[in-house]
């Protein structure tokens, strides 16, 4: 299985899934009503959802194209973070 994951802005995460869950205990997954083995479905990340991560397992071409938009948001988020650090 191939899992593609990325972090998105909090407001985008909330639009897709509502409030972020609490951090899972070590060795466990977040407490959300998702089957994290589901294929080709965009969902919160099973461990890092509390940090705003999303994922998709074995994406089809169609859903990969949708997910690419989220990858773009993730890239923008990283660039802004590092630009802020460089200004300090």
C-alpha atoms as a PDB file:
ATOM      1  CA  UNK A   1       0.000   0.000   0.000  1.00  0.00           C
ATOM      2  CA  UNK A   2       1.162   3.535  -0.781  1.00  0.00           C
ATOM      3  CA  UNK A   3       0.072   6.393   1.496  1.00  0.00           C
ATOM      4  CA  UNK A   4       0.494   9.972   0.324  1.00  0.00           C
ATOM      5  CA  UNK A   5       0.373  12.509   3.173  1.00  0.00           C
ATOM      6  CA  UNK A   6       0.711  16.250   3.609  1.00  0.00           C
ATOM      7  CA  UNK A   7       0.019  19.010   6.104  1.00  0.00           C
ATOM      8  CA  UNK A   8      -2.516  21.689   5.198  1.00  0.00           C
ATOM      9  CA  UNK A   9      -3.592  24.958   6.807  1.00  0.00           C
ATOM     10  CA  UNK A  10      -5.847  24.607   9.836  1.00  0.00           C
ATOM     11  CA  UNK A  11      -8.761  26.437   8.169  1.00  0.00           C
ATOM     12  CA  UNK A  12      -8.569  24.091   5.157  1.00  0.00           C
ATOM     13  CA  UNK A  13      -8.461  21.052   7.444  1.00  0.00           C
ATOM     14  CA  UNK A  14     -11.537  22.324   9.292  1.00  0.00           C
ATOM     15  CA  UNK A  15     -13.430  22.848   6.030  1.00  0.00           C
ATOM     16  CA  UNK A  16     -12.770  19.238   5.063  1.00  0.00           C
ATOM     17  CA  UNK A  17     -13.048  17.418   8.395  1.00  0.00           C
ATOM     18  CA  UNK A  18     -14.057  19.787  11.187  1.00  0.00           C
ATOM     19  CA  UNK A  19     -11.988  20.175  14.343  1.00  0.00           C
ATOM     20  CA  UNK A  20      -8.633  18.425  14.543  1.00  0.00           C
ATOM     21  CA  UNK A  21      -8.543  15.465  16.942  1.00  0.00           C
ATOM     22  CA  UNK A  22      -6.386  15.218  20.032  1.00  0.00           C
ATOM     23  CA  UNK A  23      -2.976  13.598  19.723  1.00  0.00           C
ATOM     24  CA  UNK A  24      -3.154   9.807  19.893  1.00  0.00           C
ATOM     25  CA  UNK A  25      -1.397   7.888  22.621  1.00  0.00           C
ATOM     26  CA  UNK A  26       1.917   6.326  21.649  1.00  0.00           C
ATOM     27  CA  UNK A  27       1.332   3.301  19.411  1.00  0.00           C
ATOM     28  CA  UNK A  28      -2.305   4.206  18.720  1.00  0.00           C
ATOM     29  CA  UNK A  29      -4.173   6.068  15.967  1.00  0.00           C
ATOM     30  CA  UNK A  30      -6.258   9.222  16.362  1.00  0.00           C
ATOM     31  CA  UNK A  31      -9.804   8.776  17.616  1.00  0.00           C
ATOM     32  CA  UNK A  32     -11.774   9.430  14.427  1.00  0.00           C
ATOM     33  CA  UNK A  33     -14.507   7.485  12.705  1.00  0.00           C
ATOM     34  CA  UNK A  34     -12.446   6.463   9.656  1.00  0.00           C
ATOM     35  CA  UNK A  35     -11.247   3.155   8.293  1.00  0.00           C
ATOM     36  CA  UNK A  36      -7.612   4.135   7.786  1.00  0.00           C
ATOM     37  CA  UNK A  37      -7.048   1.122   5.528  1.00  0.00           C
ATOM     38  CA  UNK A  38      -9.570   2.490   3.009  1.00  0.00           C
ATOM     39  CA  UNK A  39      -8.078   2.964  -0.451  1.00  0.00           C
ATOM     40  CA  UNK A  40      -8.419   5.971  -2.762  1.00  0.00           C
ATOM     41  CA  UNK A  41     -10.144   8.213  -0.203  1.00  0.00           C
ATOM     42  CA  UNK A  42      -8.886  11.540   1.166  1.00  0.00           C
ATOM     43  CA  UNK A  43      -9.052  11.475   4.970  1.00  0.00           C
ATOM     44  CA  UNK A  44      -7.279  12.746   8.074  1.00  0.00           C
ATOM     45  CA  UNK A  45      -3.890  11.131   8.692  1.00  0.00           C
ATOM     46  CA  UNK A  46      -4.179   8.233  11.134  1.00  0.00           C
ATOM     47  CA  UNK A  47      -1.431   9.553  13.431  1.00  0.00           C
ATOM     48  CA  UNK A  48      -0.716  13.171  12.491  1.00  0.00           C
ATOM     49  CA  UNK A  49      -4.267  14.484  12.015  1.00  0.00           C
ATOM     50  CA  UNK A  50      -3.846  16.470  15.231  1.00  0.00           C
ATOM     51  CA  UNK A  51      -1.189  18.520  13.373  1.00  0.00           C
ATOM     52  CA  UNK A  52      -3.420  19.048  10.326  1.00  0.00           C
ATOM     53  CA  UNK A  53      -2.116  16.216   8.162  1.00  0.00           C
ATOM     54  CA  UNK A  54      -4.293  14.483   5.604  1.00  0.00           C
ATOM     55  CA  UNK A  55      -3.639  11.375   3.534  1.00  0.00           C
ATOM     56  CA  UNK A  56      -4.838   9.118   0.762  1.00  0.00           C
ATOM     57  CA  UNK A  57      -3.980   5.429   0.336  1.00  0.00           C
ATOM     58  CA  UNK A  58      -3.302   4.129  -3.186  1.00  0.00           C
ATOM     59  CA  UNK A  59      -4.820   7.147  -4.955  1.00  0.00           C
ATOM     60  CA  UNK A  60      -6.437   6.720  -8.357  1.00  0.00           C
ATOM     61  CA  UNK A  61      -5.337   9.143 -11.065  1.00  0.00           C
ATOM     62  CA  UNK A  62      -8.549  11.152 -10.526  1.00  0.00           C
ATOM     63  CA  UNK A  63      -8.113  11.485  -6.757  1.00  0.00           C
ATOM     64  CA  UNK A  64      -4.386  12.116  -7.090  1.00  0.00           C
ATOM     65  CA  UNK A  65      -5.241  15.133  -9.245  1.00  0.00           C
ATOM     66  CA  UNK A  66      -7.558  16.373  -6.476  1.00  0.00           C
ATOM     67  CA  UNK A  67      -4.904  15.700  -3.815  1.00  0.00           C
ATOM     68  CA  UNK A  68      -2.298  17.627  -5.826  1.00  0.00           C
ATOM     69  CA  UNK A  69      -4.135  20.806  -4.841  1.00  0.00           C
ATOM     70  CA  UNK A  70      -3.561  19.906  -1.193  1.00  0.00           C
ATOM     71  CA  UNK A  71       0.107  19.227  -1.933  1.00  0.00           C
ATOM     72  CA  UNK A  72       0.307  22.729  -3.386  1.00  0.00           C
ATOM     73  CA  UNK A  73      -1.185  24.184  -0.199  1.00  0.00           C
ATOM     74  CA  UNK A  74       1.266  22.151   1.855  1.00  0.00           C
ATOM     75  CA  UNK A  75       4.186  23.459  -0.179  1.00  0.00           C
ATOM     76  CA  UNK A  76       3.006  27.063   0.273  1.00  0.00           C
ATOM     77  CA  UNK A  77       2.713  26.471   4.015  1.00  0.00           C
ATOM     78  CA  UNK A  78       6.307  25.209   4.213  1.00  0.00           C
ATOM     79  CA  UNK A  79       7.638  28.128   2.159  1.00  0.00           C
ATOM     80  CA  UNK A  80       5.882  30.677   4.412  1.00  0.00           C
ATOM     81  CA  UNK A  81       7.205  28.952   7.534  1.00  0.00           C
ATOM     82  CA  UNK A  82      10.802  29.063   6.320  1.00  0.00           C
ATOM     83  CA  UNK A  83      10.497  32.641   5.057  1.00  0.00           C
ATOM     84  CA  UNK A  84       9.395  33.706   8.544  1.00  0.00           C
ATOM     85  CA  UNK A  85      12.381  31.891  10.079  1.00  0.00           C
ATOM     86  CA  UNK A  86      14.796  33.545   7.624  1.00  0.00           C
ATOM     87  CA  UNK A  87      13.566  37.024   8.616  1.00  0.00           C
ATOM     88  CA  UNK A  88      14.494  36.458  12.274  1.00  0.00           C
END
